[in-house]
Amino acid sequence: MIRKLFPVILVAGLTACASSGTQQTSSDTSTYGGGSSSSGSASTCDAQPVQNQVGQPYSESLNSDLQSDANASQLRVLKPGELMTMEYDPTRLNVIIEKDGSISALRCG
């Protein structure tokens, strides 16, 4: 009985997987296009003005200055060995820290 149901369950599972990610709305493509966000309140991050901080020691007191100089609405600090999510947020500044406590990179996303 189970042997007969296995192919049916397998096909049903594959059909569900195939149909879940095929549709894309216009709001989905605007986020990944690299352009500005469609909402008026969100501002696109620009990491270029803060690149002079790369190589400098990191301290939490820098967070507000980095965030405002980069025009970012969010800030994420990534320390060595920490896991990070891979979703792209054009309004977020990522501060990547080295083992010695210095800033190794500043990137938007």
C-alpha atoms as a PDB file:
ATOM      1  CA  MET A   1       0.000   0.000   0.000  1.00  0.00           C
ATOM      2  CA  ILE A   2       2.787   2.421   0.918  1.00  0.00           C
ATOM      3  CA  ARG A   3       4.684   1.565  -2.269  1.00  0.00           C
ATOM      4  CA  LYS A   4       1.675   2.613  -4.330  1.00  0.00           C
ATOM      5  CA  LEU A   5       1.283   5.928  -2.479  1.00  0.00           C
ATOM      6  CA  PHE A   6       4.963   6.888  -2.629  1.00  0.00           C
ATOM      7  CA  PRO A   7       4.951   8.040  -6.293  1.00  0.00           C
ATOM      8  CA  VAL A   8       1.757  10.029  -5.722  1.00  0.00           C
ATOM      9  CA  ILE A   9       3.252  11.800  -2.690  1.00  0.00           C
ATOM     10  CA  LEU A  10       6.472  12.450  -4.576  1.00  0.00           C
ATOM     11  CA  VAL A  11       4.673  13.992  -7.566  1.00  0.00           C
ATOM     12  CA  ALA A  12       2.458  16.095  -5.282  1.00  0.00           C
ATOM     13  CA  GLY A  13       5.519  17.374  -3.424  1.00  0.00           C
ATOM     14  CA  LEU A  14       7.380  18.253  -6.604  1.00  0.00           C
ATOM     15  CA  THR A  15       4.330  20.009  -8.006  1.00  0.00           C
ATOM     16  CA  ALA A  16       4.045  22.122  -4.860  1.00  0.00           C
ATOM     17  CA  CYS A  17       7.731  23.059  -5.034  1.00  0.00           C
ATOM     18  CA  ALA A  18       7.585  23.922  -8.715  1.00  0.00           C
ATOM     19  CA  SER A  19       4.630  26.267  -8.387  1.00  0.00           C
ATOM     20  CA  SER A  20       5.789  28.112  -5.251  1.00  0.00           C
ATOM     21  CA  GLY A  21       8.576  30.238  -6.756  1.00  0.00           C
ATOM     22  CA  THR A  22       7.616  30.858 -10.357  1.00  0.00           C
ATOM     23  CA  GLN A  23       5.602  34.053 -10.044  1.00  0.00           C
ATOM     24  CA  GLN A  24       7.266  37.429  -9.588  1.00  0.00           C
ATOM     25  CA  THR A  25       5.488  40.703  -9.039  1.00  0.00           C
ATOM     26  CA  SER A  26       6.791  44.103 -10.029  1.00  0.00           C
ATOM     27  CA  SER A  27       7.585  44.910  -6.385  1.00  0.00           C
ATOM     28  CA  ASP A  28       9.898  41.875  -6.206  1.00  0.00           C
ATOM     29  CA  THR A  29      12.023  43.041  -9.127  1.00  0.00           C
ATOM     30  CA  SER A  30      12.399  46.629  -7.891  1.00  0.00           C
ATOM     31  CA  THR A  31      14.158  45.446  -4.728  1.00  0.00           C
ATOM     32  CA  TYR A  32      16.826  43.495  -6.627  1.00  0.00           C
ATOM     33  CA  GLY A  33      17.309  45.998  -9.419  1.00  0.00           C
ATOM     34  CA  GLY A  34      19.788  48.068  -7.410  1.00  0.00           C
ATOM     35  CA  GLY A  35      17.728  51.215  -7.814  1.00  0.00           C
ATOM     36  CA  SER A  36      16.028  53.210  -5.142  1.00  0.00           C
ATOM     37  CA  SER A  37      13.183  51.702  -3.220  1.00  0.00           C
ATOM     38  CA  SER A  38       9.653  52.525  -4.299  1.00  0.00           C
ATOM     39  CA  SER A  39       8.593  53.648  -0.821  1.00  0.00           C
ATOM     40  CA  GLY A  40       9.254  57.266   0.016  1.00  0.00           C
ATOM     41  CA  SER A  41      10.467  56.633   3.584  1.00  0.00           C
ATOM     42  CA  ALA A  42      13.309  54.251   2.717  1.00  0.00           C
ATOM     43  CA  SER A  43      16.592  55.714   1.512  1.00  0.00           C
ATOM     44  CA  THR A  44      19.197  53.834  -0.442  1.00  0.00           C
ATOM     45  CA  CYS A  45      22.485  53.299   1.359  1.00  0.00           C
ATOM     46  CA  ASP A  46      25.719  54.728  -0.089  1.00  0.00           C
ATOM     47  CA  ALA A  47      28.878  53.250   1.471  1.00  0.00           C
ATOM     48  CA  GLN A  48      31.283  55.467  -0.479  1.00  0.00           C
ATOM     49  CA  PRO A  49      31.354  58.372   2.064  1.00  0.00           C
ATOM     50  CA  VAL A  50      32.407  56.042   4.929  1.00  0.00           C
ATOM     51  CA  GLN A  51      35.175  54.106   3.146  1.00  0.00           C
ATOM     52  CA  ASN A  52      37.778  56.223   4.977  1.00  0.00           C
ATOM     53  CA  GLN A  53      36.903  54.243   8.142  1.00  0.00           C
ATOM     54  CA  VAL A  54      38.191  50.942   6.693  1.00  0.00           C
ATOM     55  CA  GLY A  55      41.238  49.875   8.714  1.00  0.00           C
ATOM     56  CA  GLN A  56      40.278  52.020  11.704  1.00  0.00           C
ATOM     57  CA  PRO A  57      39.427  50.466  15.098  1.00  0.00           C
ATOM     58  CA  TYR A  58      35.705  49.785  15.509  1.00  0.00           C
ATOM     59  CA  SER A  59      33.703  51.019  18.485  1.00  0.00           C
ATOM     60  CA  GLU A  60      29.945  51.161  18.988  1.00  0.00           C
ATOM     61  CA  SER A  61      30.138  54.942  19.259  1.00  0.00           C
ATOM     62  CA  LEU A  62      30.831  55.003  15.498  1.00  0.00           C
ATOM     63  CA  ASN A  63      27.488  53.362  14.651  1.00  0.00           C
ATOM     64  CA  SER A  64      25.362  56.515  14.465  1.00  0.00           C
ATOM     65  CA  ASP A  65      28.015  58.425  12.481  1.00  0.00           C
ATOM     66  CA  LEU A  66      28.501  55.563  10.012  1.00  0.00           C
ATOM     67  CA  GLN A  67      24.763  55.136   9.583  1.00  0.00           C
ATOM     68  CA  SER A  68      24.062  58.814   8.984  1.00  0.00           C
ATOM     69  CA  ASP A  69      27.097  59.373   6.713  1.00  0.00           C
ATOM     70  CA  ALA A  70      26.089  56.391   4.560  1.00  0.00           C
ATOM     71  CA  ASN A  71      22.446  57.520   4.496  1.00  0.00           C
ATOM     72  CA  ALA A  72      21.444  54.068   5.778  1.00  0.00           C
ATOM     73  CA  SER A  73      18.240  53.397   7.662  1.00  0.00           C
ATOM     74  CA  GLN A  74      19.710  50.244   9.284  1.00  0.00           C
ATOM     75  CA  LEU A  75      23.165  49.152  10.428  1.00  0.00           C
ATOM     76  CA  ARG A  76      24.455  45.587  10.889  1.00  0.00           C
ATOM     77  CA  VAL A  77      27.780  44.813  12.566  1.00  0.00           C
ATOM     78  CA  LEU A  78      29.319  41.480  11.524  1.00  0.00           C
ATOM     79  CA  LYS A  79      32.046  40.171  13.806  1.00  0.00           C
ATOM     80  CA  PRO A  80      34.402  37.270  12.966  1.00  0.00           C
ATOM     81  CA  GLY A  81      32.685  33.892  13.058  1.00  0.00           C
ATOM     82  CA  GLU A  82      29.155  35.319  13.154  1.00  0.00           C
ATOM     83  CA  LEU A  83      26.545  33.957  10.801  1.00  0.00           C
ATOM     84  CA  MET A  84      24.687  36.397   8.611  1.00  0.00           C
ATOM     85  CA  THR A  85      21.573  36.201   6.549  1.00  0.00           C
ATOM     86  CA  MET A  86      21.944  36.679   2.812  1.00  0.00           C
ATOM     87  CA  GLU A  87      18.874  38.809   2.126  1.00  0.00           C
ATOM     88  CA  TYR A  88      19.623  42.062   0.350  1.00  0.00           C
ATOM     89  CA  ASP A  89      18.452  45.310   1.942  1.00  0.00           C
ATOM     90  CA  PRO A  90      19.451  48.413  -0.036  1.00  0.00           C
ATOM     91  CA  THR A  91      18.877  50.612   3.014  1.00  0.00           C
ATOM     92  CA  ARG A  92      21.289  48.738   5.328  1.00  0.00           C
ATOM     93  CA  LEU A  93      24.996  49.368   5.971  1.00  0.00           C
ATOM     94  CA  ASN A  94      27.042  46.280   6.883  1.00  0.00           C
ATOM     95  CA  VAL A  95      30.118  46.888   9.039  1.00  0.00           C
ATOM     96  CA  ILE A  96      32.503  43.909   8.788  1.00  0.00           C
ATOM     97  CA  ILE A  97      34.958  43.619  11.671  1.00  0.00           C
ATOM     98  CA  GLU A  98      38.355  41.818  11.674  1.00  0.00           C
ATOM     99  CA  LYS A  99      39.648  39.645  14.533  1.00  0.00           C
ATOM    100  CA  ASP A 100      41.828  42.523  15.756  1.00  0.00           C
ATOM    101  CA  GLY A 101      38.773  44.801  16.096  1.00  0.00           C
ATOM    102  CA  SER A 102      39.401  46.931  13.034  1.00  0.00           C
ATOM    103  CA  ILE A 103      36.881  47.595  10.273  1.00  0.00           C
ATOM    104  CA  SER A 104      37.698  45.441   7.250  1.00  0.00           C
ATOM    105  CA  ALA A 105      34.816  46.525   4.989  1.00  0.00           C
ATOM    106  CA  LEU A 106      31.755  48.739   4.811  1.00  0.00           C
ATOM    107  CA  ARG A 107      29.097  47.569   2.336  1.00  0.00           C
ATOM    108  CA  CYS A 108      25.498  48.342   1.655  1.00  0.00           C
ATOM    109  CA  GLY A 109      22.999  45.527   1.425  1.00  0.00           C
END
